[in-house]
Every structure is written in C-alpha cells, then in structure tokens.
Amino acid sequence: MLVYEGVTKRFGTILALDSVTLTCASHRTTALLGPSGCGKSTLLRLAVGLVWPDSGAVSIDDEHVDARNIIEWRRRIGYVIQEGGLFPHLDVRSNVILAAQYLHWDPARIEQRYRELRELVKLPSSASSRLPDELSGGQRQRVSLMRALMLDPQILLLDEPLGALDPMIRRDLQQDLVELFSRLGRTVVLVTHDIAEAGLFADSLVLLRGGRIVQQGSLADLIEQPAAPFVRDFVEAQRGAREILAARGALQS
C-alpha cells in the first residue's frame, strides 16, 4: 500500500533519512520507532506531501506521490499529528466535519458519518459542543481520530497519538485503539518511542536510528533476534516489551 523507495531527506545539514526503503503492508499496522531525530515523523510527513524527498520516491498503490496528485491522496489519508492539532476556536463537531463541509458533502451524510465515528471512538454525545480545551487529553485524542477518519481514508497515519497522555488514560486508549484498528481493517502507520506500545498495536515494527532502518520485524524478532547491539540496547532500555509479547502469545493460544 505505502512504499518508500530509496528515500533521502535533508533539512539543511541534518540528514533525516538516508536511502530508506520500506513497505507498509496493506490492511496491516506498521509501527515506526526509535530515538528522537531518527526520521520517524519525517516518513509520515513525506506520505502526505508536507515535505518532499531529496531523492527516491514515495508510492501509494503503485502510484508515485508528487505535486500533481498530492491533493487527491491527502483526501484518502487520515493524519493525526502530535498532540492532535485540533482547532482551538472550533467545537468538537466542527473540528471533525470540517473537511467534509469543504468538499460539500450532503448535510445528512455528514451527520450520519459524525455519529458513526462518535460511536466508534466511544466519545459521549455531550462532548460535541465543547471546545478542545474543555476536553480531557483522552477525549481530544478521540476527536483527532474522528477528524482523521471523517473521509473514510485508506491509510491512517498517527504521529505519537498517545505520547502526551497520563498512564491511566493512555492504557485505556491503547486497548480502544487495538479494537479500532481491528474493526477498521485499514492500513495504519504509527510513530511511537515505546516498543511495548508498538508491539501491542503493530504487525510489523520498524526500528530506525540516524535516518536508517536498523531492523524490521515482529516484536519477538526485535527481542529474541536483535540485528545489532543498538536493537538489544533499545529493547532493554524499555520496560514492558517482554510482558506485551507474553500477553500476545497467551491471547493467540
């Protein structure tokens, strides 16, 4: 579905991505993880044309993403930026339906889609008229998801969707997102620093360092068959990865 072919990207003297080749499989969840500055978020921004590669190409459904078709592709991609990016002067409903209104959807269709999404992300109807700063952190993330899903996109991109939440809210949203990804059956690419969270959500984990892919595989691959000392150190620096792996194994059995 989403393919990066030898992509290199610099920001001034900083090499953000160094000849990255990566395929994010259709109808699967891919997690991009690694330390700050490793190129995770840049990969998402390339997919929606917020930045362009210096060399290489990004393709969706075997079609290169470029300036000629990026507007069309943006309507087929849902994108949740860090901390949600809701418009503070618009209430929940207005934030969610903005793109559909811009595209002149029928009001009845907009209302039906809004109600479907509200139920999907488990947002109470009473929140619809609230402004973003009147919501909890978890509710804001649910609204951001609704907005990203409004146009029924083929691909969902999530840039550290749970990074700013306290542990209890984060845990609840993790479980809800696992269920949501399963129900949607969409291609999902998410960025996280947390390998345990990546293992909970994703079919494939991609660990980056210095703009390059160090290892790609399952959580079990990274834990049990590290491709480099950095992979072992990254796993050992985080708590919870082995517990997630054990829990997933128990569920599957």
C-alpha atoms as a PDB file:
ATOM      1  CA  MET A   1       0.000   0.000   0.000  1.00  0.00           C
ATOM      2  CA  LEU A   2       2.597   2.584   1.125  1.00  0.00           C
ATOM      3  CA  VAL A   3       6.134   2.214  -0.226  1.00  0.00           C
ATOM      4  CA  TYR A   4       9.294   4.266   0.299  1.00  0.00           C
ATOM      5  CA  GLU A   5      11.954   3.625  -2.347  1.00  0.00           C
ATOM      6  CA  GLY A   6      15.474   4.761  -1.503  1.00  0.00           C
ATOM      7  CA  VAL A   7      14.215   7.937   0.156  1.00  0.00           C
ATOM      8  CA  THR A   8      16.752  10.504   1.345  1.00  0.00           C
ATOM      9  CA  LYS A   9      15.767  13.756   3.048  1.00  0.00           C
ATOM     10  CA  ARG A  10      17.940  16.537   4.474  1.00  0.00           C
ATOM     11  CA  PHE A  11      16.966  19.588   6.487  1.00  0.00           C
ATOM     12  CA  GLY A  12      19.932  21.878   5.973  1.00  0.00           C
ATOM     13  CA  THR A  13      22.965  19.991   7.271  1.00  0.00           C
ATOM     14  CA  ILE A  14      20.815  17.411   9.102  1.00  0.00           C
ATOM     15  CA  LEU A  15      20.329  14.075   7.374  1.00  0.00           C
ATOM     16  CA  ALA A  16      16.840  12.999   8.446  1.00  0.00           C
ATOM     17  CA  LEU A  17      16.514   9.940   6.170  1.00  0.00           C
ATOM     18  CA  ASP A  18      19.326   8.090   4.444  1.00  0.00           C
ATOM     19  CA  SER A  19      18.241   5.952   1.461  1.00  0.00           C
ATOM     20  CA  VAL A  20      15.296   4.379   3.317  1.00  0.00           C
ATOM     21  CA  THR A  21      13.421   1.602   1.544  1.00  0.00           C
ATOM     22  CA  LEU A  22      10.299   0.410   3.344  1.00  0.00           C
ATOM     23  CA  THR A  23       6.969  -1.213   2.510  1.00  0.00           C
ATOM     24  CA  CYS A  24       4.000  -0.692   4.842  1.00  0.00           C
ATOM     25  CA  ALA A  25       1.682  -3.581   4.072  1.00  0.00           C
ATOM     26  CA  SER A  26      -1.929  -3.098   3.069  1.00  0.00           C
ATOM     27  CA  HIS A  27      -4.541  -3.609   5.806  1.00  0.00           C
ATOM     28  CA  ARG A  28      -1.822  -4.044   8.427  1.00  0.00           C
ATOM     29  CA  THR A  29      -0.405  -1.839  11.162  1.00  0.00           C
ATOM     30  CA  THR A  30       3.230  -0.756  10.926  1.00  0.00           C
ATOM     31  CA  ALA A  31       4.941   0.946  13.874  1.00  0.00           C
ATOM     32  CA  LEU A  32       7.900   3.269  13.360  1.00  0.00           C
ATOM     33  CA  LEU A  33      10.017   3.575  16.473  1.00  0.00           C
ATOM     34  CA  GLY A  34      13.404   4.809  17.585  1.00  0.00           C
ATOM     35  CA  PRO A  35      15.055   7.693  19.415  1.00  0.00           C
ATOM     36  CA  SER A  36      14.201  11.339  18.767  1.00  0.00           C
ATOM     37  CA  GLY A  37      15.512  12.603  15.449  1.00  0.00           C
ATOM     38  CA  CYS A  38      15.755   9.185  13.819  1.00  0.00           C
ATOM     39  CA  GLY A  39      13.360  10.064  10.954  1.00  0.00           C
ATOM     40  CA  LYS A  40      10.064   8.549  12.151  1.00  0.00           C
ATOM     41  CA  SER A  41       7.866  11.621  11.778  1.00  0.00           C
ATOM     42  CA  THR A  42       9.586  12.611   8.531  1.00  0.00           C
ATOM     43  CA  LEU A  43       8.361   9.366   6.957  1.00  0.00           C
ATOM     44  CA  LEU A  44       4.765  10.288   7.799  1.00  0.00           C
ATOM     45  CA  ARG A  45       5.183  13.847   6.524  1.00  0.00           C
ATOM     46  CA  LEU A  46       6.545  12.530   3.222  1.00  0.00           C
ATOM     47  CA  ALA A  47       3.443  10.385   2.755  1.00  0.00           C
ATOM     48  CA  VAL A  48       1.142  13.414   2.887  1.00  0.00           C
ATOM     49  CA  GLY A  49       3.380  15.783   0.941  1.00  0.00           C
ATOM     50  CA  LEU A  50       4.254  18.104   3.809  1.00  0.00           C
ATOM     51  CA  VAL A  51       7.871  17.601   2.779  1.00  0.00           C
ATOM     52  CA  TRP A  52       9.338  16.103  -0.382  1.00  0.00           C
ATOM     53  CA  PRO A  53      12.258  13.669  -0.716  1.00  0.00           C
ATOM     54  CA  ASP A  54      15.596  14.942  -1.971  1.00  0.00           C
ATOM     55  CA  SER A  55      15.965  11.617  -3.770  1.00  0.00           C
ATOM     56  CA  GLY A  56      13.956   8.431  -4.026  1.00  0.00           C
ATOM     57  CA  ALA A  57      10.175   8.195  -4.196  1.00  0.00           C
ATOM     58  CA  VAL A  58       7.060   7.544  -2.120  1.00  0.00           C
ATOM     59  CA  SER A  59       4.312   5.441  -3.709  1.00  0.00           C
ATOM     60  CA  ILE A  60       0.766   4.564  -2.733  1.00  0.00           C
ATOM     61  CA  ASP A  61      -0.985   1.802  -4.658  1.00  0.00           C
ATOM     62  CA  ASP A  62       1.947   1.775  -7.135  1.00  0.00           C
ATOM     63  CA  GLU A  63       1.454   5.476  -7.891  1.00  0.00           C
ATOM     64  CA  HIS A  64       4.212   7.943  -7.024  1.00  0.00           C
ATOM     65  CA  VAL A  65       3.118  10.726  -4.700  1.00  0.00           C
ATOM     66  CA  ASP A  66       4.020  14.096  -6.196  1.00  0.00           C
ATOM     67  CA  ALA A  67       2.734  17.647  -6.500  1.00  0.00           C
ATOM     68  CA  ARG A  68       0.305  16.665  -9.267  1.00  0.00           C
ATOM     69  CA  ASN A  69      -1.689  14.168  -7.216  1.00  0.00           C
ATOM     70  CA  ILE A  70      -0.998  15.070  -3.582  1.00  0.00           C
ATOM     71  CA  ILE A  71      -4.340  16.844  -3.040  1.00  0.00           C
ATOM     72  CA  GLU A  72      -6.204  13.727  -4.167  1.00  0.00           C
ATOM     73  CA  TRP A  73      -4.071  11.497  -1.943  1.00  0.00           C
ATOM     74  CA  ARG A  74      -4.498  13.717   1.101  1.00  0.00           C
ATOM     75  CA  ARG A  75      -8.234  13.062   0.910  1.00  0.00           C
ATOM     76  CA  ARG A  76      -7.521   9.343   1.098  1.00  0.00           C
ATOM     77  CA  ILE A  77      -5.137   9.592   4.059  1.00  0.00           C
ATOM     78  CA  GLY A  78      -6.102  10.300   7.653  1.00  0.00           C
ATOM     79  CA  TYR A  79      -3.340  12.046   9.586  1.00  0.00           C
ATOM     80  CA  VAL A  80      -3.182  12.637  13.340  1.00  0.00           C
ATOM     81  CA  ILE A  81      -0.282  14.916  14.236  1.00  0.00           C
ATOM     82  CA  GLN A  82       1.404  15.039  17.635  1.00  0.00           C
ATOM     83  CA  GLU A  83      -0.993  16.229  20.365  1.00  0.00           C
ATOM     84  CA  GLY A  84      -3.916  16.094  17.932  1.00  0.00           C
ATOM     85  CA  GLY A  85      -3.741  19.547  16.359  1.00  0.00           C
ATOM     86  CA  LEU A  86      -7.398  20.445  16.905  1.00  0.00           C
ATOM     87  CA  PHE A  87      -8.521  23.979  16.055  1.00  0.00           C
ATOM     88  CA  PRO A  88      -8.991  25.626  19.473  1.00  0.00           C
ATOM     89  CA  HIS A  89     -11.758  28.007  18.321  1.00  0.00           C
ATOM     90  CA  LEU A  90     -13.972  25.237  16.896  1.00  0.00           C
ATOM     91  CA  ASP A  91     -16.118  22.862  18.910  1.00  0.00           C
ATOM     92  CA  VAL A  92     -15.761  19.095  18.611  1.00  0.00           C
ATOM     93  CA  ARG A  93     -18.328  18.598  15.864  1.00  0.00           C
ATOM     94  CA  SER A  94     -16.969  21.475  13.778  1.00  0.00           C
ATOM     95  CA  ASN A  95     -13.418  20.141  14.049  1.00  0.00           C
ATOM     96  CA  VAL A  96     -14.486  16.694  12.911  1.00  0.00           C
ATOM     97  CA  ILE A  97     -16.700  17.628   9.939  1.00  0.00           C
ATOM     98  CA  LEU A  98     -14.542  20.459   8.565  1.00  0.00           C
ATOM     99  CA  ALA A  99     -13.092  18.526   5.611  1.00  0.00           C
ATOM    100  CA  ALA A 100     -16.463  17.044   4.653  1.00  0.00           C
ATOM    101  CA  GLN A 101     -18.023  20.505   4.634  1.00  0.00           C
ATOM    102  CA  TYR A 102     -15.178  21.809   2.474  1.00  0.00           C
ATOM    103  CA  LEU A 103     -15.894  19.021  -0.019  1.00  0.00           C
ATOM    104  CA  HIS A 104     -19.628  19.911   0.032  1.00  0.00           C
ATOM    105  CA  TRP A 105     -20.899  16.631   1.409  1.00  0.00           C
ATOM    106  CA  ASP A 106     -24.648  16.433   1.885  1.00  0.00           C
ATOM    107  CA  PRO A 107     -25.566  17.514   5.450  1.00  0.00           C
ATOM    108  CA  ALA A 108     -27.383  14.246   6.125  1.00  0.00           C
ATOM    109  CA  ARG A 109     -24.299  12.280   5.061  1.00  0.00           C
ATOM    110  CA  ILE A 110     -22.108  14.430   7.295  1.00  0.00           C
ATOM    111  CA  GLU A 111     -24.365  13.873  10.287  1.00  0.00           C
ATOM    112  CA  GLN A 112     -24.527  10.125   9.741  1.00  0.00           C
ATOM    113  CA  ARG A 113     -20.753   9.860   9.435  1.00  0.00           C
ATOM    114  CA  TYR A 114     -20.214  12.011  12.511  1.00  0.00           C
ATOM    115  CA  ARG A 115     -22.485   9.790  14.615  1.00  0.00           C
ATOM    116  CA  GLU A 116     -20.774   6.630  13.322  1.00  0.00           C
ATOM    117  CA  LEU A 117     -17.365   7.976  14.288  1.00  0.00           C
ATOM    118  CA  ARG A 118     -18.500   9.216  17.672  1.00  0.00           C
ATOM    119  CA  GLU A 119     -19.718   5.714  18.496  1.00  0.00           C
ATOM    120  CA  LEU A 120     -16.574   4.143  17.014  1.00  0.00           C
ATOM    121  CA  VAL A 121     -14.202   6.084  19.261  1.00  0.00           C
ATOM    122  CA  LYS A 122     -16.566   5.999  22.272  1.00  0.00           C
ATOM    123  CA  LEU A 123     -16.969   9.758  22.613  1.00  0.00           C
ATOM    124  CA  PRO A 124     -20.041  10.856  24.601  1.00  0.00           C
ATOM    125  CA  SER A 125     -22.589  12.904  22.651  1.00  0.00           C
ATOM    126  CA  SER A 126     -22.402  15.600  25.323  1.00  0.00           C
ATOM    127  CA  ALA A 127     -18.872  16.446  24.135  1.00  0.00           C
ATOM    128  CA  SER A 128     -19.973  17.528  20.658  1.00  0.00           C
ATOM    129  CA  SER A 129     -20.462  21.190  21.542  1.00  0.00           C
ATOM    130  CA  ARG A 130     -17.345  21.565  23.684  1.00  0.00           C
ATOM    131  CA  LEU A 131     -14.162  23.344  22.694  1.00  0.00           C
ATOM    132  CA  PRO A 132     -10.901  21.354  22.727  1.00  0.00           C
ATOM    133  CA  ASP A 133      -9.656  22.975  25.940  1.00  0.00           C
ATOM    134  CA  GLU A 134     -12.846  21.792  27.655  1.00  0.00           C
ATOM    135  CA  LEU A 135     -11.973  18.148  26.966  1.00  0.00           C
ATOM    136  CA  SER A 136      -9.678  15.704  28.719  1.00  0.00           C
ATOM    137  CA  GLY A 137      -6.478  14.644  26.969  1.00  0.00           C
ATOM    138  CA  GLY A 138      -8.007  11.294  26.066  1.00  0.00           C
ATOM    139  CA  GLN A 139     -11.117  12.925  24.639  1.00  0.00           C
ATOM    140  CA  ARG A 140      -9.013  15.266  22.497  1.00  0.00           C
ATOM    141  CA  GLN A 141      -7.195  12.282  21.015  1.00  0.00           C
ATOM    142  CA  ARG A 142     -10.514  10.579  20.257  1.00  0.00           C
ATOM    143  CA  VAL A 143     -11.710  13.725  18.469  1.00  0.00           C
ATOM    144  CA  SER A 144      -8.469  13.878  16.492  1.00  0.00           C
ATOM    145  CA  LEU A 145      -9.062  10.298  15.388  1.00  0.00           C
ATOM    146  CA  MET A 146     -12.617  11.149  14.349  1.00  0.00           C
ATOM    147  CA  ARG A 147     -11.366  14.041  12.244  1.00  0.00           C
ATOM    148  CA  ALA A 148      -8.713  11.864  10.597  1.00  0.00           C
ATOM    149  CA  LEU A 149     -11.334   9.188   9.801  1.00  0.00           C
ATOM    150  CA  MET A 150     -14.093  11.534   8.593  1.00  0.00           C
ATOM    151  CA  LEU A 151     -13.450  10.992   4.869  1.00  0.00           C
ATOM    152  CA  ASP A 152     -13.093   7.203   5.333  1.00  0.00           C
ATOM    153  CA  PRO A 153      -9.389   7.130   4.354  1.00  0.00           C
ATOM    154  CA  GLN A 154      -7.493   4.146   3.003  1.00  0.00           C
ATOM    155  CA  ILE A 155      -4.466   4.925   5.151  1.00  0.00           C
ATOM    156  CA  LEU A 156      -4.291   6.208   8.725  1.00  0.00           C
ATOM    157  CA  LEU A 157      -1.091   7.933   9.901  1.00  0.00           C
ATOM    158  CA  LEU A 158      -0.622   8.539  13.630  1.00  0.00           C
ATOM    159  CA  ASP A 159       2.315  10.547  14.987  1.00  0.00           C
ATOM    160  CA  GLU A 160       2.755   9.588  18.647  1.00  0.00           C
ATOM    161  CA  PRO A 161      -1.002   9.595  19.242  1.00  0.00           C
ATOM    162  CA  LEU A 162      -0.702   8.750  22.942  1.00  0.00           C
ATOM    163  CA  GLY A 163       2.556  10.475  23.791  1.00  0.00           C
ATOM    164  CA  ALA A 164       1.165  13.345  25.884  1.00  0.00           C
ATOM    165  CA  LEU A 165      -1.318  11.332  27.972  1.00  0.00           C
ATOM    166  CA  ASP A 166      -1.030  10.238  31.579  1.00  0.00           C
ATOM    167  CA  PRO A 167      -0.520   6.480  32.134  1.00  0.00           C
ATOM    168  CA  MET A 168      -4.124   5.598  33.062  1.00  0.00           C
ATOM    169  CA  ILE A 169      -5.699   7.411  30.107  1.00  0.00           C
ATOM    170  CA  ARG A 170      -3.002   6.048  27.830  1.00  0.00           C
ATOM    171  CA  ARG A 171      -3.713   2.463  28.896  1.00  0.00           C
ATOM    172  CA  ASP A 172      -7.441   2.817  28.206  1.00  0.00           C
ATOM    173  CA  LEU A 173      -6.829   4.375  24.794  1.00  0.00           C
ATOM    174  CA  GLN A 174      -4.320   1.680  23.886  1.00  0.00           C
ATOM    175  CA  GLN A 175      -6.956  -1.001  24.285  1.00  0.00           C
ATOM    176  CA  ASP A 176      -9.534   1.049  22.373  1.00  0.00           C
ATOM    177  CA  LEU A 177      -7.081   1.632  19.511  1.00  0.00           C
ATOM    178  CA  VAL A 178      -6.311  -2.091  19.241  1.00  0.00           C
ATOM    179  CA  GLU A 179     -10.037  -2.750  18.826  1.00  0.00           C
ATOM    180  CA  LEU A 180     -10.462   0.182  16.443  1.00  0.00           C
ATOM    181  CA  PHE A 181      -7.627  -0.919  14.128  1.00  0.00           C
ATOM    182  CA  SER A 182      -9.104  -4.412  14.029  1.00  0.00           C
ATOM    183  CA  ARG A 183     -12.575  -3.124  13.158  1.00  0.00           C
ATOM    184  CA  LEU A 184     -11.389  -0.669  10.523  1.00  0.00           C
ATOM    185  CA  GLY A 185      -9.120  -3.061   8.642  1.00  0.00           C
ATOM    186  CA  ARG A 186      -7.173  -0.103   7.255  1.00  0.00           C
ATOM    187  CA  THR A 187      -3.500   0.380   6.543  1.00  0.00           C
ATOM    188  CA  VAL A 188      -2.139   2.078   9.672  1.00  0.00           C
ATOM    189  CA  VAL A 189       1.315   3.591  10.173  1.00  0.00           C
ATOM    190  CA  LEU A 190       2.074   4.963  13.613  1.00  0.00           C
ATOM    191  CA  VAL A 191       5.053   6.595  15.279  1.00  0.00           C
ATOM    192  CA  THR A 192       5.986   5.848  18.870  1.00  0.00           C
ATOM    193  CA  HIS A 193       9.028   5.808  21.168  1.00  0.00           C
ATOM    194  CA  ASP A 194       7.528   2.933  23.153  1.00  0.00           C
ATOM    195  CA  ILE A 195       8.406  -0.566  21.921  1.00  0.00           C
ATOM    196  CA  ALA A 196       5.797  -2.205  24.149  1.00  0.00           C
ATOM    197  CA  GLU A 197       3.118   0.046  22.668  1.00  0.00           C
ATOM    198  CA  ALA A 198       4.397  -0.701  19.170  1.00  0.00           C
ATOM    199  CA  GLY A 199       4.200  -4.413  19.882  1.00  0.00           C
ATOM    200  CA  LEU A 200       0.643  -4.067  21.168  1.00  0.00           C
ATOM    201  CA  PHE A 201      -0.590  -2.283  18.037  1.00  0.00           C
ATOM    202  CA  ALA A 202       1.526  -3.403  15.128  1.00  0.00           C
ATOM    203  CA  ASP A 203       2.059  -6.405  12.886  1.00  0.00           C
ATOM    204  CA  SER A 204       5.457  -5.042  11.838  1.00  0.00           C
ATOM    205  CA  LEU A 205       7.892  -2.928  13.868  1.00  0.00           C
ATOM    206  CA  VAL A 206      10.476  -0.733  12.129  1.00  0.00           C
ATOM    207  CA  LEU A 207      13.328   0.479  14.338  1.00  0.00           C
ATOM    208  CA  LEU A 208      15.239   3.473  12.988  1.00  0.00           C
ATOM    209  CA  ARG A 209      18.454   5.172  14.017  1.00  0.00           C
ATOM    210  CA  GLY A 210      20.155   8.119  12.349  1.00  0.00           C
ATOM    211  CA  GLY A 211      17.768   8.080   9.388  1.00  0.00           C
ATOM    212  CA  ARG A 212      18.289   4.405   8.603  1.00  0.00           C
ATOM    213  CA  ILE A 213      16.329   1.234   9.315  1.00  0.00           C
ATOM    214  CA  VAL A 214      18.238  -0.909  11.793  1.00  0.00           C
ATOM    215  CA  GLN A 215      15.724  -3.769  11.955  1.00  0.00           C
ATOM    216  CA  GLN A 216      12.210  -4.583  10.796  1.00  0.00           C
ATOM    217  CA  GLY A 217      10.123  -7.452  12.083  1.00  0.00           C
ATOM    218  CA  SER A 218       7.813  -8.568  14.847  1.00  0.00           C
ATOM    219  CA  LEU A 219       8.223  -7.654  18.496  1.00  0.00           C
ATOM    220  CA  ALA A 220       9.533 -11.179  19.060  1.00  0.00           C
ATOM    221  CA  ASP A 221      12.177 -10.660  16.354  1.00  0.00           C
ATOM    222  CA  LEU A 222      13.480  -7.493  17.988  1.00  0.00           C
ATOM    223  CA  ILE A 223      13.559  -9.064  21.449  1.00  0.00           C
ATOM    224  CA  GLU A 224      14.878 -12.522  20.587  1.00  0.00           C
ATOM    225  CA  GLN A 225      16.897 -11.894  17.412  1.00  0.00           C
ATOM    226  CA  PRO A 226      18.323  -8.345  17.582  1.00  0.00           C
ATOM    227  CA  ALA A 227      20.116  -7.431  14.362  1.00  0.00           C
ATOM    228  CA  ALA A 228      22.598  -5.103  16.088  1.00  0.00           C
ATOM    229  CA  PRO A 229      23.708  -4.127  19.586  1.00  0.00           C
ATOM    230  CA  PHE A 230      21.600  -0.958  19.288  1.00  0.00           C
ATOM    231  CA  VAL A 231      18.439  -3.083  18.931  1.00  0.00           C
ATOM    232  CA  ARG A 232      19.253  -5.031  22.090  1.00  0.00           C
ATOM    233  CA  ASP A 233      20.051  -1.821  23.983  1.00  0.00           C
ATOM    234  CA  PHE A 234      16.842  -0.140  22.780  1.00  0.00           C
ATOM    235  CA  VAL A 235      14.728  -3.091  23.922  1.00  0.00           C
ATOM    236  CA  GLU A 236      16.475  -3.438  27.272  1.00  0.00           C
ATOM    237  CA  ALA A 237      16.097   0.295  27.974  1.00  0.00           C
ATOM    238  CA  GLN A 238      12.311  -0.045  27.994  1.00  0.00           C
ATOM    239  CA  ARG A 239      10.125  -1.911  30.413  1.00  0.00           C
ATOM    240  CA  GLY A 240       7.082  -3.848  29.313  1.00  0.00           C
ATOM    241  CA  ALA A 241       8.125  -5.236  25.931  1.00  0.00           C
ATOM    242  CA  ARG A 242       8.519  -8.819  27.128  1.00  0.00           C
ATOM    243  CA  GLU A 243       5.250  -8.600  29.058  1.00  0.00           C
ATOM    244  CA  ILE A 244       3.419  -7.448  25.917  1.00  0.00           C
ATOM    245  CA  LEU A 245       4.983 -10.283  23.950  1.00  0.00           C
ATOM    246  CA  ALA A 246       3.907 -12.820  26.569  1.00  0.00           C
ATOM    247  CA  ALA A 247       0.387 -11.398  26.689  1.00  0.00           C
ATOM    248  CA  ARG A 248       0.018 -11.544  22.919  1.00  0.00           C
ATOM    249  CA  GLY A 249       1.201 -15.135  22.933  1.00  0.00           C
ATOM    250  CA  ALA A 250      -1.341 -16.039  25.584  1.00  0.00           C
ATOM    251  CA  LEU A 251      -4.139 -14.411  23.605  1.00  0.00           C
ATOM    252  CA  GLN A 252      -3.166 -16.223  20.411  1.00  0.00           C
ATOM    253  CA  SER A 253      -3.047 -19.580  22.164  1.00  0.00           C
END
